[in-house]
Amino acid sequence: MEETLLEILEEICGTDEVRNDLDINLFDDGLLDSLGVIELLLSIEDKLKISIQPTEVTREQIATPRKIIDYLKAKKGE
């Protein structure tokens, strides 16, 4: 799951920096915007079969690759 998520982030953000620094702030560094968030959630649902509604996740919960991974692990454990 982690590898697939990083591939998704690389594609959406257009950089492998998301793989090299799991604590990079995707919003502060301009790698992810609101449109990118929707693309991210759709890709997660398509490739990882984890459905996340845009209203159920906060920007802070998905601010870094590590936070997204932790969120998905917790969500999958539900």
C-alpha atoms as a PDB file:
ATOM      1  CA  MET A   1       0.000   0.000   0.000  1.00  0.00           C
ATOM      2  CA  GLU A   2       2.770   2.438   0.933  1.00  0.00           C
ATOM      3  CA  GLU A   3       4.587   1.948  -2.374  1.00  0.00           C
ATOM      4  CA  THR A   4       1.398   2.432  -4.386  1.00  0.00           C
ATOM      5  CA  LEU A   5       0.573   5.617  -2.471  1.00  0.00           C
ATOM      6  CA  LEU A   6       4.038   7.019  -3.126  1.00  0.00           C
ATOM      7  CA  GLU A   7       3.639   6.249  -6.832  1.00  0.00           C
ATOM      8  CA  ILE A   8       0.297   8.076  -6.819  1.00  0.00           C
ATOM      9  CA  LEU A   9       1.848  11.083  -5.056  1.00  0.00           C
ATOM     10  CA  GLU A  10       4.801  11.147  -7.458  1.00  0.00           C
ATOM     11  CA  GLU A  11       2.414  11.248 -10.387  1.00  0.00           C
ATOM     12  CA  ILE A  12       0.150  13.949  -8.945  1.00  0.00           C
ATOM     13  CA  CYS A  13       2.925  16.123  -7.497  1.00  0.00           C
ATOM     14  CA  GLY A  14       5.273  15.613 -10.440  1.00  0.00           C
ATOM     15  CA  THR A  15       8.319  14.919  -8.281  1.00  0.00           C
ATOM     16  CA  ASP A  16      10.057  12.051  -6.501  1.00  0.00           C
ATOM     17  CA  GLU A  17      10.695  14.381  -3.579  1.00  0.00           C
ATOM     18  CA  VAL A  18       7.572  12.897  -1.949  1.00  0.00           C
ATOM     19  CA  ARG A  19       9.351   9.549  -1.820  1.00  0.00           C
ATOM     20  CA  ASN A  20      12.644  10.950  -0.531  1.00  0.00           C
ATOM     21  CA  ASP A  21      11.108  13.055   2.268  1.00  0.00           C
ATOM     22  CA  LEU A  22       8.004  11.522   3.837  1.00  0.00           C
ATOM     23  CA  ASP A  23       7.630  14.581   6.073  1.00  0.00           C
ATOM     24  CA  ILE A  24       7.569  17.183   3.291  1.00  0.00           C
ATOM     25  CA  ASN A  25       4.507  19.418   3.604  1.00  0.00           C
ATOM     26  CA  LEU A  26       2.709  18.920   0.307  1.00  0.00           C
ATOM     27  CA  PHE A  27       0.641  22.099   0.641  1.00  0.00           C
ATOM     28  CA  ASP A  28       3.308  24.483   1.981  1.00  0.00           C
ATOM     29  CA  ASP A  29       5.744  23.363  -0.731  1.00  0.00           C
ATOM     30  CA  GLY A  30       3.150  23.868  -3.462  1.00  0.00           C
ATOM     31  CA  LEU A  31       3.052  20.203  -4.471  1.00  0.00           C
ATOM     32  CA  LEU A  32      -0.634  19.668  -3.747  1.00  0.00           C
ATOM     33  CA  ASP A  33      -3.654  21.941  -4.122  1.00  0.00           C
ATOM     34  CA  SER A  34      -7.399  21.385  -3.804  1.00  0.00           C
ATOM     35  CA  LEU A  35      -7.668  19.876  -7.285  1.00  0.00           C
ATOM     36  CA  GLY A  36      -4.713  17.618  -6.495  1.00  0.00           C
ATOM     37  CA  VAL A  37      -6.449  16.447  -3.318  1.00  0.00           C
ATOM     38  CA  ILE A  38      -9.471  15.304  -5.327  1.00  0.00           C
ATOM     39  CA  GLU A  39      -7.176  13.541  -7.805  1.00  0.00           C
ATOM     40  CA  LEU A  40      -5.354  11.921  -4.871  1.00  0.00           C
ATOM     41  CA  LEU A  41      -8.566  10.658  -3.274  1.00  0.00           C
ATOM     42  CA  LEU A  42      -9.847   9.282  -6.574  1.00  0.00           C
ATOM     43  CA  SER A  43      -6.532   7.512  -7.237  1.00  0.00           C
ATOM     44  CA  ILE A  44      -6.497   6.027  -3.727  1.00  0.00           C
ATOM     45  CA  GLU A  45      -9.998   4.683  -4.265  1.00  0.00           C
ATOM     46  CA  ASP A  46      -9.140   3.331  -7.714  1.00  0.00           C
ATOM     47  CA  LYS A  47      -5.772   1.737  -6.917  1.00  0.00           C
ATOM     48  CA  LEU A  48      -6.034   0.915  -3.213  1.00  0.00           C
ATOM     49  CA  LYS A  49      -9.811   0.343  -2.984  1.00  0.00           C
ATOM     50  CA  ILE A  50     -10.046   2.697   0.011  1.00  0.00           C
ATOM     51  CA  SER A  51     -12.893   5.164  -0.316  1.00  0.00           C
ATOM     52  CA  ILE A  52     -12.364   8.581   1.288  1.00  0.00           C
ATOM     53  CA  GLN A  53     -14.877  11.380   0.941  1.00  0.00           C
ATOM     54  CA  PRO A  54     -13.300  14.858   0.646  1.00  0.00           C
ATOM     55  CA  THR A  55     -15.389  15.982   3.632  1.00  0.00           C
ATOM     56  CA  GLU A  56     -14.077  13.247   5.949  1.00  0.00           C
ATOM     57  CA  VAL A  57     -10.405  14.208   5.753  1.00  0.00           C
ATOM     58  CA  THR A  58      -8.783  17.462   6.843  1.00  0.00           C
ATOM     59  CA  ARG A  59      -5.903  19.178   5.110  1.00  0.00           C
ATOM     60  CA  GLU A  60      -3.763  18.544   8.200  1.00  0.00           C
ATOM     61  CA  GLN A  61      -4.440  14.780   8.029  1.00  0.00           C
ATOM     62  CA  ILE A  62      -2.999  14.608   4.507  1.00  0.00           C
ATOM     63  CA  ALA A  63      -0.325  17.318   4.722  1.00  0.00           C
ATOM     64  CA  THR A  64       2.633  14.925   4.321  1.00  0.00           C
ATOM     65  CA  PRO A  65       3.180  11.551   2.667  1.00  0.00           C
ATOM     66  CA  ARG A  66       3.757   9.998   6.119  1.00  0.00           C
ATOM     67  CA  LYS A  67       0.454  11.404   7.437  1.00  0.00           C
ATOM     68  CA  ILE A  68      -1.403  10.046   4.407  1.00  0.00           C
ATOM     69  CA  ILE A  69       0.147   6.605   4.929  1.00  0.00           C
ATOM     70  CA  ASP A  70      -0.787   6.667   8.635  1.00  0.00           C
ATOM     71  CA  TYR A  71      -4.320   7.814   7.805  1.00  0.00           C
ATOM     72  CA  LEU A  72      -4.785   5.036   5.240  1.00  0.00           C
ATOM     73  CA  LYS A  73      -3.448   2.391   7.628  1.00  0.00           C
ATOM     74  CA  ALA A  74      -5.883   3.558  10.307  1.00  0.00           C
ATOM     75  CA  LYS A  75      -8.754   3.725   7.802  1.00  0.00           C
ATOM     76  CA  LYS A  76      -8.011   0.248   6.486  1.00  0.00           C
ATOM     77  CA  GLY A  77      -7.992  -1.064  10.047  1.00  0.00           C
ATOM     78  CA  GLU A  78     -11.582   0.151  10.596  1.00  0.00           C
END
